Amino acid sequence: MDHTNERLSETLKNMAIDLGASYVGIGTKETLKGGPPSTDLDSALLGAKSAIVFAVPFDENLINPYLAKEDFSLNENKIRTTTFAGGISLEIAGFLDQIGFKAVPIAPNFVYRKDTPNGIRDRKPIISHKYLAAVSGVGFFGHSGHILTKKHGAAIVLSSVVTDAELIATNPVKNEEKYCDECKLCKTSCIPNYISNKKTKVNIGGKEFKYQLPKSHWRCILVCGGATGLDSSGKYSTWSPGRFTIPKEDIDFEKLRDKAMPVYVKRPKVDPVFYHPGVPEYKMQYTCSTCQFICHPDKKTRIDRYKLFKNSGVVIEDEDGNRKAVSPEEGDKIIEKISKERKSLYID
């Protein structure tokens, strides 16, 4: 069957939406020209000419209960939705293969380059879904560095397919359609202080894209993944029961990693896990993602979510791994009463 570039492009965009995506775009060698290494499509498929990128939303009905520490179900939804998005990429790649094109599905997360100085520990993606999404109009960069979408904000997962098919590029989101007003609630709510005060900018395809420069990735890994999560004020936490002191300097996160991760893997995990190649025993849970879930196109919703989080209390865990939120004062009393051996799993 003959495929015009236009017809195939429309077919693939419709396919992504029909399979469950909310936004879809296409980047090409030309629109990605001059970008960072993670925009080089040849890294994924030699001779590639285009990439399809799409966003799949998380269940927004679970966000408020999650931020309020009433229900941990968003952890499972994020795991399942991420896996689902990867499945869409696999199906699109398979379809392209069947009609005569080469195609490689790019996993939504946890697959990194091995040719960097520290290999997968550098957490450098083979292809950046975020850059593809910004270039192709799936969304736009917010202050946090997350891709924001017009309807779902940052509460999405991205996935891509790289192919040698010549597709028709889609355009970036227009500036007047971007809702980020730099309210900085993403940064204010970030317990590990992952978002820096410095902006970075990249030029891709002759267009400039800006977002806030992140600090050490270990800040996010250790808190979002659950090794620790108590705010320095002691007044609220993520869903992690960990209480290891969060350092101020990036370099000290290496020491925290060496201290917190060996005991983190000994804690019981009764809720669903995802698998990460860079941590001991590989199993982790989403206990934070606060900057991602607080962000929403409606500013009042953002503020309400931020208040829920700040007033949600602290999480403690029983011997079976069941978690609940309590007041800071009650949390301190519970921790004080547990055995020294158990206490070492959670605090310095």
C-alpha atoms as a PDB file:
ATOM      1  CA  MET A   1       0.000   0.000   0.000  1.00  0.00           C
ATOM      2  CA  ASP A   2       1.259   3.482  -0.861  1.00  0.00           C
ATOM      3  CA  HIS A   3       1.465   6.019   1.952  1.00  0.00           C
ATOM      4  CA  THR A   4       1.762   9.739   1.392  1.00  0.00           C
ATOM      5  CA  ASN A   5       3.662  11.530   4.148  1.00  0.00           C
ATOM      6  CA  GLU A   6       0.560  13.525   5.011  1.00  0.00           C
ATOM      7  CA  ARG A   7      -1.752  10.508   5.187  1.00  0.00           C
ATOM      8  CA  LEU A   8       0.655   8.426   7.269  1.00  0.00           C
ATOM      9  CA  SER A   9       1.231  11.329   9.662  1.00  0.00           C
ATOM     10  CA  GLU A  10      -2.497  11.732  10.235  1.00  0.00           C
ATOM     11  CA  THR A  11      -2.938   7.986  10.638  1.00  0.00           C
ATOM     12  CA  LEU A  12      -0.251   7.802  13.329  1.00  0.00           C
ATOM     13  CA  LYS A  13      -1.571  10.824  15.204  1.00  0.00           C
ATOM     14  CA  ASN A  14      -5.092   9.376  15.158  1.00  0.00           C
ATOM     15  CA  MET A  15      -3.727   6.014  16.246  1.00  0.00           C
ATOM     16  CA  ALA A  16      -2.051   7.497  19.328  1.00  0.00           C
ATOM     17  CA  ILE A  17      -5.263   9.292  20.342  1.00  0.00           C
ATOM     18  CA  ASP A  18      -7.459   6.263  19.673  1.00  0.00           C
ATOM     19  CA  LEU A  19      -5.164   4.105  21.792  1.00  0.00           C
ATOM     20  CA  GLY A  20      -5.407   6.436  24.799  1.00  0.00           C
ATOM     21  CA  ALA A  21      -3.172   9.488  24.369  1.00  0.00           C
ATOM     22  CA  SER A  22      -4.526  12.968  25.010  1.00  0.00           C
ATOM     23  CA  TYR A  23      -2.013  14.938  22.920  1.00  0.00           C
ATOM     24  CA  VAL A  24       0.249  13.862  20.082  1.00  0.00           C
ATOM     25  CA  GLY A  25       2.895  15.567  17.935  1.00  0.00           C
ATOM     26  CA  ILE A  26       5.618  14.845  15.413  1.00  0.00           C
ATOM     27  CA  GLY A  27       9.227  15.998  15.382  1.00  0.00           C
ATOM     28  CA  THR A  28      11.553  15.614  12.402  1.00  0.00           C
ATOM     29  CA  LYS A  29      15.273  15.796  11.736  1.00  0.00           C
ATOM     30  CA  GLU A  30      14.732  19.384  10.600  1.00  0.00           C
ATOM     31  CA  THR A  31      12.689  20.582  13.608  1.00  0.00           C
ATOM     32  CA  LEU A  32      15.145  18.875  15.989  1.00  0.00           C
ATOM     33  CA  LYS A  33      18.254  20.162  14.227  1.00  0.00           C
ATOM     34  CA  GLY A  34      20.987  21.598  16.449  1.00  0.00           C
ATOM     35  CA  GLY A  35      19.427  20.357  19.673  1.00  0.00           C
ATOM     36  CA  PRO A  36      21.077  18.522  22.607  1.00  0.00           C
ATOM     37  CA  PRO A  37      22.338  14.931  22.125  1.00  0.00           C
ATOM     38  CA  SER A  38      18.990  13.584  23.341  1.00  0.00           C
ATOM     39  CA  THR A  39      17.267  15.070  20.280  1.00  0.00           C
ATOM     40  CA  ASP A  40      19.473  13.100  17.875  1.00  0.00           C
ATOM     41  CA  LEU A  41      17.088  10.504  16.456  1.00  0.00           C
ATOM     42  CA  ASP A  42      20.016   8.454  15.120  1.00  0.00           C
ATOM     43  CA  SER A  43      20.796   7.589  18.753  1.00  0.00           C
ATOM     44  CA  ALA A  44      17.709   5.406  18.708  1.00  0.00           C
ATOM     45  CA  LEU A  45      17.567   4.397  15.033  1.00  0.00           C
ATOM     46  CA  LEU A  46      20.286   5.022  12.484  1.00  0.00           C
ATOM     47  CA  GLY A  47      18.734   6.743   9.506  1.00  0.00           C
ATOM     48  CA  ALA A  48      15.669   7.910  11.435  1.00  0.00           C
ATOM     49  CA  LYS A  49      13.764  10.834   9.975  1.00  0.00           C
ATOM     50  CA  SER A  50      10.907  11.461  12.397  1.00  0.00           C
ATOM     51  CA  ALA A  51       9.533  10.800  15.862  1.00  0.00           C
ATOM     52  CA  ILE A  52       5.972  10.561  17.130  1.00  0.00           C
ATOM     53  CA  VAL A  53       5.550  11.734  20.730  1.00  0.00           C
ATOM     54  CA  PHE A  54       2.392  11.704  22.823  1.00  0.00           C
ATOM     55  CA  ALA A  55       1.046  12.349  26.316  1.00  0.00           C
ATOM     56  CA  VAL A  56      -1.168  10.037  28.380  1.00  0.00           C
ATOM     57  CA  PRO A  57      -2.900  11.611  31.405  1.00  0.00           C
ATOM     58  CA  PHE A  58      -2.914  10.216  34.911  1.00  0.00           C
ATOM     59  CA  ASP A  59      -6.227   9.854  36.768  1.00  0.00           C
ATOM     60  CA  GLU A  60      -6.852  13.366  38.064  1.00  0.00           C
ATOM     61  CA  ASN A  61      -9.506  12.111  40.492  1.00  0.00           C
ATOM     62  CA  LEU A  62      -6.692  10.531  42.512  1.00  0.00           C
ATOM     63  CA  ILE A  63      -4.517  13.653  42.800  1.00  0.00           C
ATOM     64  CA  ASN A  64      -6.236  15.463  45.681  1.00  0.00           C
ATOM     65  CA  PRO A  65      -6.533  12.339  47.901  1.00  0.00           C
ATOM     66  CA  TYR A  66      -2.872  11.598  47.184  1.00  0.00           C
ATOM     67  CA  LEU A  67      -1.667  15.101  48.060  1.00  0.00           C
ATOM     68  CA  ALA A  68      -3.861  15.118  51.181  1.00  0.00           C
ATOM     69  CA  LYS A  69      -2.344  11.761  52.294  1.00  0.00           C
ATOM     70  CA  GLU A  70      -5.753  10.134  52.282  1.00  0.00           C
ATOM     71  CA  ASP A  71      -5.183   7.589  49.510  1.00  0.00           C
ATOM     72  CA  PHE A  72      -1.961   6.218  47.994  1.00  0.00           C
ATOM     73  CA  SER A  73      -3.685   4.861  44.855  1.00  0.00           C
ATOM     74  CA  LEU A  74      -2.051   7.432  42.580  1.00  0.00           C
ATOM     75  CA  ASN A  75       1.203   5.492  43.017  1.00  0.00           C
ATOM     76  CA  GLU A  76      -0.358   2.496  41.277  1.00  0.00           C
ATOM     77  CA  ASN A  77      -2.066   4.662  38.661  1.00  0.00           C
ATOM     78  CA  LYS A  78       1.234   6.314  37.778  1.00  0.00           C
ATOM     79  CA  ILE A  79       2.934   2.911  37.419  1.00  0.00           C
ATOM     80  CA  ARG A  80       0.127   1.468  35.288  1.00  0.00           C
ATOM     81  CA  THR A  81      -0.259   4.588  33.123  1.00  0.00           C
ATOM     82  CA  THR A  82       3.471   4.721  32.446  1.00  0.00           C
ATOM     83  CA  THR A  83       3.400   1.062  31.391  1.00  0.00           C
ATOM     84  CA  PHE A  84       0.323   1.731  29.254  1.00  0.00           C
ATOM     85  CA  ALA A  85       2.050   4.625  27.466  1.00  0.00           C
ATOM     86  CA  GLY A  86       4.982   2.349  26.683  1.00  0.00           C
ATOM     87  CA  GLY A  87       2.501  -0.123  25.246  1.00  0.00           C
ATOM     88  CA  ILE A  88       1.145   2.503  22.868  1.00  0.00           C
ATOM     89  CA  SER A  89       4.685   3.163  21.635  1.00  0.00           C
ATOM     90  CA  LEU A  90       5.214  -0.550  21.111  1.00  0.00           C
ATOM     91  CA  GLU A  91       1.963  -0.865  19.157  1.00  0.00           C
ATOM     92  CA  ILE A  92       2.728   2.128  16.917  1.00  0.00           C
ATOM     93  CA  ALA A  93       6.238   0.802  16.249  1.00  0.00           C
ATOM     94  CA  GLY A  94       4.816  -2.593  15.374  1.00  0.00           C
ATOM     95  CA  PHE A  95       2.307  -1.025  13.013  1.00  0.00           C
ATOM     96  CA  LEU A  96       5.035   0.925  11.221  1.00  0.00           C
ATOM     97  CA  ASP A  97       7.136  -2.205  10.895  1.00  0.00           C
ATOM     98  CA  GLN A  98       4.231  -4.088   9.344  1.00  0.00           C
ATOM     99  CA  ILE A  99       3.701  -1.476   6.642  1.00  0.00           C
ATOM    100  CA  GLY A 100       7.347  -1.351   5.674  1.00  0.00           C
ATOM    101  CA  PHE A 101       9.107   1.188   7.905  1.00  0.00           C
ATOM    102  CA  LYS A 102      11.735   0.831  10.585  1.00  0.00           C
ATOM    103  CA  ALA A 103      10.597   2.005  13.991  1.00  0.00           C
ATOM    104  CA  VAL A 104      11.837   1.876  17.577  1.00  0.00           C
ATOM    105  CA  PRO A 105       9.575   2.431  20.619  1.00  0.00           C
ATOM    106  CA  ILE A 106      11.188   4.621  23.277  1.00  0.00           C
ATOM    107  CA  ALA A 107      10.157   3.651  26.814  1.00  0.00           C
ATOM    108  CA  PRO A 108       8.537   6.427  28.870  1.00  0.00           C
ATOM    109  CA  ASN A 109      11.171   6.204  31.607  1.00  0.00           C
ATOM    110  CA  PHE A 110      14.013   4.241  33.238  1.00  0.00           C
ATOM    111  CA  VAL A 111      15.968   3.533  30.040  1.00  0.00           C
ATOM    112  CA  TYR A 112      19.197   5.542  29.874  1.00  0.00           C
ATOM    113  CA  ARG A 113      22.251   5.972  27.681  1.00  0.00           C
ATOM    114  CA  LYS A 114      25.220   3.764  28.488  1.00  0.00           C
ATOM    115  CA  ASP A 115      27.826   5.833  26.614  1.00  0.00           C
ATOM    116  CA  THR A 116      28.055   8.704  29.131  1.00  0.00           C
ATOM    117  CA  PRO A 117      30.904   8.988  31.701  1.00  0.00           C
ATOM    118  CA  ASN A 118      28.923   7.220  34.445  1.00  0.00           C
ATOM    119  CA  GLY A 119      26.633   5.156  32.255  1.00  0.00           C
ATOM    120  CA  ILE A 120      23.045   4.794  33.434  1.00  0.00           C
ATOM    121  CA  ARG A 121      23.889   6.611  36.687  1.00  0.00           C
ATOM    122  CA  ASP A 122      23.944   9.852  34.674  1.00  0.00           C
ATOM    123  CA  ARG A 123      20.260   9.281  33.839  1.00  0.00           C
ATOM    124  CA  LYS A 124      20.668  10.671  30.327  1.00  0.00           C
ATOM    125  CA  PRO A 125      17.816   9.569  28.060  1.00  0.00           C
ATOM    126  CA  ILE A 126      18.474   8.026  24.674  1.00  0.00           C
ATOM    127  CA  ILE A 127      15.820  10.376  23.310  1.00  0.00           C
ATOM    128  CA  SER A 128      14.231  13.142  25.390  1.00  0.00           C
ATOM    129  CA  HIS A 129      10.449  12.901  25.321  1.00  0.00           C
ATOM    130  CA  LYS A 130      10.321  16.381  26.842  1.00  0.00           C
ATOM    131  CA  TYR A 131      12.283  18.026  24.048  1.00  0.00           C
ATOM    132  CA  LEU A 132      10.227  16.173  21.456  1.00  0.00           C
ATOM    133  CA  ALA A 133       7.011  17.242  23.189  1.00  0.00           C
ATOM    134  CA  ALA A 134       8.057  20.912  23.340  1.00  0.00           C
ATOM    135  CA  VAL A 135       9.185  21.015  19.711  1.00  0.00           C
ATOM    136  CA  SER A 136       6.082  19.254  18.401  1.00  0.00           C
ATOM    137  CA  GLY A 137       3.414  21.057  20.438  1.00  0.00           C
ATOM    138  CA  VAL A 138       2.332  18.216  22.717  1.00  0.00           C
ATOM    139  CA  GLY A 139       2.979  20.659  25.539  1.00  0.00           C
ATOM    140  CA  PHE A 140       5.398  23.331  26.714  1.00  0.00           C
ATOM    141  CA  PHE A 141       8.043  23.716  29.397  1.00  0.00           C
ATOM    142  CA  GLY A 142       6.842  24.988  32.746  1.00  0.00           C
ATOM    143  CA  HIS A 143       8.974  26.562  35.458  1.00  0.00           C
ATOM    144  CA  SER A 144       9.632  23.094  36.920  1.00  0.00           C
ATOM    145  CA  GLY A 145      11.017  21.676  33.684  1.00  0.00           C
ATOM    146  CA  HIS A 146       7.970  19.437  33.328  1.00  0.00           C
ATOM    147  CA  ILE A 147       6.020  19.478  30.091  1.00  0.00           C
ATOM    148  CA  LEU A 148       2.675  21.146  30.736  1.00  0.00           C
ATOM    149  CA  THR A 149      -0.432  20.443  28.677  1.00  0.00           C
ATOM    150  CA  LYS A 150      -3.411  22.695  28.094  1.00  0.00           C
ATOM    151  CA  LYS A 151      -5.915  20.416  29.835  1.00  0.00           C
ATOM    152  CA  HIS A 152      -4.017  18.140  32.226  1.00  0.00           C
ATOM    153  CA  GLY A 153      -1.160  20.388  33.275  1.00  0.00           C
ATOM    154  CA  ALA A 154       1.905  18.334  34.185  1.00  0.00           C
ATOM    155  CA  ALA A 155      -0.101  15.243  35.208  1.00  0.00           C
ATOM    156  CA  ILE A 156       0.904  13.247  32.151  1.00  0.00           C
ATOM    157  CA  VAL A 157       3.411  10.641  31.028  1.00  0.00           C
ATOM    158  CA  LEU A 158       5.244  10.996  27.712  1.00  0.00           C
ATOM    159  CA  SER A 159       6.349   8.296  25.303  1.00  0.00           C
ATOM    160  CA  SER A 160       7.720   8.258  21.761  1.00  0.00           C
ATOM    161  CA  VAL A 161       8.432   6.239  18.628  1.00  0.00           C
ATOM    162  CA  VAL A 162      11.405   6.951  16.354  1.00  0.00           C
ATOM    163  CA  THR A 163      11.047   5.938  12.699  1.00  0.00           C
ATOM    164  CA  ASP A 164      12.615   6.235   9.258  1.00  0.00           C
ATOM    165  CA  ALA A 165       9.239   7.259   7.824  1.00  0.00           C
ATOM    166  CA  GLU A 166       9.147  10.844   6.569  1.00  0.00           C
ATOM    167  CA  LEU A 167       6.377  12.441   8.585  1.00  0.00           C
ATOM    168  CA  ILE A 168       4.975  15.963   8.696  1.00  0.00           C
ATOM    169  CA  ALA A 169       6.133  17.971  11.714  1.00  0.00           C
ATOM    170  CA  THR A 170       3.661  19.652  14.057  1.00  0.00           C
ATOM    171  CA  ASN A 171       4.226  23.102  15.554  1.00  0.00           C
ATOM    172  CA  PRO A 172       5.160  24.131  19.120  1.00  0.00           C
ATOM    173  CA  VAL A 173       2.520  25.587  21.420  1.00  0.00           C
ATOM    174  CA  LYS A 174       2.119  29.323  20.845  1.00  0.00           C
ATOM    175  CA  ASN A 175       3.354  31.583  23.654  1.00  0.00           C
ATOM    176  CA  GLU A 176      -0.113  33.059  24.196  1.00  0.00           C
ATOM    177  CA  GLU A 177      -1.465  29.558  24.852  1.00  0.00           C
ATOM    178  CA  LYS A 178       1.014  28.761  27.653  1.00  0.00           C
ATOM    179  CA  TYR A 179      -0.501  29.080  31.116  1.00  0.00           C
ATOM    180  CA  CYS A 180       2.672  28.930  33.271  1.00  0.00           C
ATOM    181  CA  ASP A 181       2.878  32.252  35.130  1.00  0.00           C
ATOM    182  CA  GLU A 182       5.879  31.153  37.232  1.00  0.00           C
ATOM    183  CA  CYS A 183       3.788  30.950  40.381  1.00  0.00           C
ATOM    184  CA  LYS A 184       6.617  28.658  41.573  1.00  0.00           C
ATOM    185  CA  LEU A 185       4.297  26.437  43.614  1.00  0.00           C
ATOM    186  CA  CYS A 186       6.159  23.539  41.990  1.00  0.00           C
ATOM    187  CA  LYS A 187       9.414  24.767  43.536  1.00  0.00           C
ATOM    188  CA  THR A 188       7.888  25.751  46.882  1.00  0.00           C
ATOM    189  CA  SER A 189       6.357  22.307  47.297  1.00  0.00           C
ATOM    190  CA  CYS A 190       9.566  20.451  46.339  1.00  0.00           C
ATOM    191  CA  ILE A 191      10.873  18.957  49.585  1.00  0.00           C
ATOM    192  CA  PRO A 192      14.322  18.006  48.189  1.00  0.00           C
ATOM    193  CA  ASN A 193      14.699  21.442  46.547  1.00  0.00           C
ATOM    194  CA  TYR A 194      15.384  19.847  43.175  1.00  0.00           C
ATOM    195  CA  ILE A 195      14.435  22.931  41.140  1.00  0.00           C
ATOM    196  CA  SER A 196      17.232  25.508  41.120  1.00  0.00           C
ATOM    197  CA  ASN A 197      17.095  29.296  40.822  1.00  0.00           C
ATOM    198  CA  LYS A 198      18.908  29.193  37.486  1.00  0.00           C
ATOM    199  CA  LYS A 199      17.241  29.060  34.116  1.00  0.00           C
ATOM    200  CA  THR A 200      18.628  27.027  31.271  1.00  0.00           C
ATOM    201  CA  LYS A 201      17.807  27.399  27.618  1.00  0.00           C
ATOM    202  CA  VAL A 202      18.268  25.159  24.614  1.00  0.00           C
ATOM    203  CA  ASN A 203      18.020  25.914  20.913  1.00  0.00           C
ATOM    204  CA  ILE A 204      16.284  23.211  18.928  1.00  0.00           C
ATOM    205  CA  GLY A 205      15.425  23.612  15.277  1.00  0.00           C
ATOM    206  CA  GLY A 206      16.116  27.328  15.435  1.00  0.00           C
ATOM    207  CA  LYS A 207      13.695  27.860  18.347  1.00  0.00           C
ATOM    208  CA  GLU A 208      14.641  28.640  21.944  1.00  0.00           C
ATOM    209  CA  PHE A 209      13.153  26.756  24.877  1.00  0.00           C
ATOM    210  CA  LYS A 210      13.650  27.771  28.529  1.00  0.00           C
ATOM    211  CA  TYR A 211      13.041  26.075  31.852  1.00  0.00           C
ATOM    212  CA  GLN A 212      14.472  26.015  35.353  1.00  0.00           C
ATOM    213  CA  LEU A 213      17.731  24.070  35.693  1.00  0.00           C
ATOM    214  CA  PRO A 214      17.417  21.010  37.974  1.00  0.00           C
ATOM    215  CA  LYS A 215      19.932  20.251  40.692  1.00  0.00           C
ATOM    216  CA  SER A 216      21.411  16.784  41.344  1.00  0.00           C
ATOM    217  CA  HIS A 217      19.089  14.048  40.093  1.00  0.00           C
ATOM    218  CA  TRP A 218      19.688  12.225  43.363  1.00  0.00           C
ATOM    219  CA  ARG A 219      17.541  14.814  45.102  1.00  0.00           C
ATOM    220  CA  CYS A 220      14.576  13.649  43.074  1.00  0.00           C
ATOM    221  CA  ILE A 221      15.460   9.944  43.083  1.00  0.00           C
ATOM    222  CA  LEU A 222      15.803   9.666  46.861  1.00  0.00           C
ATOM    223  CA  VAL A 223      12.630  11.604  47.673  1.00  0.00           C
ATOM    224  CA  CYS A 224      10.329  10.759  44.783  1.00  0.00           C
ATOM    225  CA  GLY A 225      11.420   7.116  45.022  1.00  0.00           C
ATOM    226  CA  GLY A 226      10.699   6.970  48.745  1.00  0.00           C
ATOM    227  CA  ALA A 227      14.054   6.707  50.548  1.00  0.00           C
ATOM    228  CA  THR A 228      13.196   9.815  52.553  1.00  0.00           C
ATOM    229  CA  GLY A 229      10.519  12.474  52.501  1.00  0.00           C
ATOM    230  CA  LEU A 230      10.170  14.557  55.655  1.00  0.00           C
ATOM    231  CA  ASP A 231      10.306  18.298  55.031  1.00  0.00           C
ATOM    232  CA  SER A 232      13.009  20.193  56.908  1.00  0.00           C
ATOM    233  CA  SER A 233      10.266  21.910  58.935  1.00  0.00           C
ATOM    234  CA  GLY A 234       9.104  18.534  60.239  1.00  0.00           C
ATOM    235  CA  LYS A 235       5.506  19.615  59.612  1.00  0.00           C
ATOM    236  CA  TYR A 236       4.669  17.556  56.527  1.00  0.00           C
ATOM    237  CA  SER A 237       6.124  14.881  54.306  1.00  0.00           C
ATOM    238  CA  THR A 238       5.707  12.969  51.066  1.00  0.00           C
ATOM    239  CA  TRP A 239       4.202   9.465  51.181  1.00  0.00           C
ATOM    240  CA  SER A 240       7.624   8.192  52.278  1.00  0.00           C
ATOM    241  CA  PRO A 241       7.991   7.242  55.947  1.00  0.00           C
ATOM    242  CA  GLY A 242      11.713   8.001  55.686  1.00  0.00           C
ATOM    243  CA  ARG A 243      13.061  10.765  57.905  1.00  0.00           C
ATOM    244  CA  PHE A 244      16.680  11.049  56.799  1.00  0.00           C
ATOM    245  CA  THR A 245      17.855  14.646  56.865  1.00  0.00           C
ATOM    246  CA  ILE A 246      17.815  16.166  53.391  1.00  0.00           C
ATOM    247  CA  PRO A 247      21.137  17.944  52.703  1.00  0.00           C
ATOM    248  CA  LYS A 248      21.417  21.467  51.373  1.00  0.00           C
ATOM    249  CA  GLU A 249      24.284  20.787  48.977  1.00  0.00           C
ATOM    250  CA  ASP A 250      24.202  18.478  45.956  1.00  0.00           C
ATOM    251  CA  ILE A 251      27.484  16.805  46.855  1.00  0.00           C
ATOM    252  CA  ASP A 252      26.065  15.597  50.172  1.00  0.00           C
ATOM    253  CA  PHE A 253      23.305  13.671  48.395  1.00  0.00           C
ATOM    254  CA  GLU A 254      25.897  11.070  47.463  1.00  0.00           C
ATOM    255  CA  LYS A 255      26.414  10.434  51.185  1.00  0.00           C
ATOM    256  CA  LEU A 256      22.667  10.343  51.783  1.00  0.00           C
ATOM    257  CA  ARG A 257      22.269   7.836  48.959  1.00  0.00           C
ATOM    258  CA  ASP A 258      24.856   5.535  50.527  1.00  0.00           C
ATOM    259  CA  LYS A 259      23.120   5.792  53.896  1.00  0.00           C
ATOM    260  CA  ALA A 260      19.443   5.712  52.923  1.00  0.00           C
ATOM    261  CA  MET A 261      19.249   3.254  50.022  1.00  0.00           C
ATOM    262  CA  PRO A 262      20.598   0.140  51.836  1.00  0.00           C
ATOM    263  CA  VAL A 263      17.913   0.473  54.533  1.00  0.00           C
ATOM    264  CA  TYR A 264      15.215   1.614  52.099  1.00  0.00           C
ATOM    265  CA  VAL A 265      15.269  -1.791  50.395  1.00  0.00           C
ATOM    266  CA  LYS A 266      14.714  -3.492  53.777  1.00  0.00           C
ATOM    267  CA  ARG A 267      11.411  -1.729  54.389  1.00  0.00           C
ATOM    268  CA  PRO A 268       8.272  -3.724  53.581  1.00  0.00           C
ATOM    269  CA  LYS A 269       6.471  -2.668  50.366  1.00  0.00           C
ATOM    270  CA  VAL A 270       2.842  -3.735  50.299  1.00  0.00           C
ATOM    271  CA  ASP A 271       1.817  -1.315  47.550  1.00  0.00           C
ATOM    272  CA  PRO A 272       2.672  -1.733  43.833  1.00  0.00           C
ATOM    273  CA  VAL A 273       6.273  -1.060  42.788  1.00  0.00           C
ATOM    274  CA  PHE A 274       8.082  -0.096  39.613  1.00  0.00           C
ATOM    275  CA  TYR A 275      11.499  -1.371  38.638  1.00  0.00           C
ATOM    276  CA  HIS A 276      14.481   0.962  38.285  1.00  0.00           C
ATOM    277  CA  PRO A 277      17.876  -0.290  37.034  1.00  0.00           C
ATOM    278  CA  GLY A 278      19.884   2.108  39.162  1.00  0.00           C
ATOM    279  CA  VAL A 279      18.821   1.245  42.711  1.00  0.00           C
ATOM    280  CA  PRO A 280      19.556  -1.757  44.970  1.00  0.00           C
ATOM    281  CA  GLU A 281      17.119  -4.636  44.397  1.00  0.00           C
ATOM    282  CA  TYR A 282      15.496  -2.448  41.713  1.00  0.00           C
ATOM    283  CA  LYS A 283      12.090  -1.949  43.376  1.00  0.00           C
ATOM    284  CA  MET A 284      10.770   1.569  44.030  1.00  0.00           C
ATOM    285  CA  GLN A 285       7.480   3.405  44.578  1.00  0.00           C
ATOM    286  CA  TYR A 286       6.264   6.877  43.681  1.00  0.00           C
ATOM    287  CA  THR A 287       5.982   8.697  46.993  1.00  0.00           C
ATOM    288  CA  CYS A 288       6.329  12.285  45.778  1.00  0.00           C
ATOM    289  CA  SER A 289       5.880  13.739  42.241  1.00  0.00           C
ATOM    290  CA  THR A 290       4.395  16.704  44.101  1.00  0.00           C
ATOM    291  CA  CYS A 291       5.701  19.338  41.678  1.00  0.00           C
ATOM    292  CA  GLN A 292       4.092  17.391  38.841  1.00  0.00           C
ATOM    293  CA  PHE A 293       0.705  16.904  40.487  1.00  0.00           C
ATOM    294  CA  ILE A 294       0.283  20.361  41.994  1.00  0.00           C
ATOM    295  CA  CYS A 295       0.594  22.022  38.574  1.00  0.00           C
ATOM    296  CA  HIS A 296      -2.729  22.614  36.778  1.00  0.00           C
ATOM    297  CA  PRO A 297      -3.937  25.109  34.143  1.00  0.00           C
ATOM    298  CA  ASP A 298      -6.357  26.618  36.671  1.00  0.00           C
ATOM    299  CA  LYS A 299      -4.441  28.660  39.247  1.00  0.00           C
ATOM    300  CA  LYS A 300      -7.030  28.180  41.998  1.00  0.00           C
ATOM    301  CA  THR A 301      -6.702  24.421  41.571  1.00  0.00           C
ATOM    302  CA  ARG A 302      -2.926  24.772  41.902  1.00  0.00           C
ATOM    303  CA  ILE A 303      -3.272  26.760  45.116  1.00  0.00           C
ATOM    304  CA  ASP A 304      -5.834  24.355  46.576  1.00  0.00           C
ATOM    305  CA  ARG A 305      -3.607  21.376  45.818  1.00  0.00           C
ATOM    306  CA  TYR A 306      -0.623  23.126  47.382  1.00  0.00           C
ATOM    307  CA  LYS A 307      -2.612  23.778  50.578  1.00  0.00           C
ATOM    308  CA  LEU A 308      -3.736  20.151  50.714  1.00  0.00           C
ATOM    309  CA  PHE A 309      -0.136  19.008  50.539  1.00  0.00           C
ATOM    310  CA  LYS A 310       1.223  21.467  53.092  1.00  0.00           C
ATOM    311  CA  ASN A 311      -1.492  20.491  55.591  1.00  0.00           C
ATOM    312  CA  SER A 312      -1.356  16.746  54.970  1.00  0.00           C
ATOM    313  CA  GLY A 313       0.747  15.792  57.992  1.00  0.00           C
ATOM    314  CA  VAL A 314       3.548  13.238  58.064  1.00  0.00           C
ATOM    315  CA  VAL A 315       3.546   9.600  57.000  1.00  0.00           C
ATOM    316  CA  ILE A 316       4.460   6.769  59.331  1.00  0.00           C
ATOM    317  CA  GLU A 317       4.653   3.050  58.559  1.00  0.00           C
ATOM    318  CA  ASP A 318       3.825  -0.011  60.663  1.00  0.00           C
ATOM    319  CA  GLU A 319       5.814  -3.261  60.697  1.00  0.00           C
ATOM    320  CA  ASP A 320       3.745  -4.679  57.816  1.00  0.00           C
ATOM    321  CA  GLY A 321       4.415  -1.681  55.572  1.00  0.00           C
ATOM    322  CA  ASN A 322       1.000  -0.037  55.941  1.00  0.00           C
ATOM    323  CA  ARG A 323       1.218   3.749  55.866  1.00  0.00           C
ATOM    324  CA  LYS A 324      -0.932   6.507  57.265  1.00  0.00           C
ATOM    325  CA  ALA A 325      -0.682  10.247  57.784  1.00  0.00           C
ATOM    326  CA  VAL A 326      -0.654  11.659  61.298  1.00  0.00           C
ATOM    327  CA  SER A 327       0.087  15.002  62.857  1.00  0.00           C
ATOM    328  CA  PRO A 328       3.777  15.949  63.206  1.00  0.00           C
ATOM    329  CA  GLU A 329       3.503  15.589  66.984  1.00  0.00           C
ATOM    330  CA  GLU A 330       1.936  12.135  66.802  1.00  0.00           C
ATOM    331  CA  GLY A 331       4.522  11.084  64.222  1.00  0.00           C
ATOM    332  CA  ASP A 332       7.346  12.028  66.577  1.00  0.00           C
ATOM    333  CA  LYS A 333       5.779  10.007  69.408  1.00  0.00           C
ATOM    334  CA  ILE A 334       5.339   6.921  67.228  1.00  0.00           C
ATOM    335  CA  ILE A 335       8.914   7.057  65.981  1.00  0.00           C
ATOM    336  CA  GLU A 336      10.204   7.475  69.516  1.00  0.00           C
ATOM    337  CA  LYS A 337       8.453   4.285  70.661  1.00  0.00           C
ATOM    338  CA  ILE A 338       9.636   1.894  67.956  1.00  0.00           C
ATOM    339  CA  SER A 339      12.678  -0.308  68.457  1.00  0.00           C
ATOM    340  CA  LYS A 340      16.167   0.950  67.691  1.00  0.00           C
ATOM    341  CA  GLU A 341      16.496  -1.642  64.926  1.00  0.00           C
ATOM    342  CA  ARG A 342      13.314  -0.507  63.157  1.00  0.00           C
ATOM    343  CA  LYS A 343      14.144   3.133  63.726  1.00  0.00           C
ATOM    344  CA  SER A 344      17.378   2.727  61.791  1.00  0.00           C
ATOM    345  CA  LEU A 345      15.309   1.996  58.669  1.00  0.00           C
ATOM    346  CA  TYR A 346      13.802   5.468  58.731  1.00  0.00           C
ATOM    347  CA  ILE A 347      15.996   8.051  60.427  1.00  0.00           C
ATOM    348  CA  ASP A 348      19.633   9.172  60.626  1.00  0.00           C
END
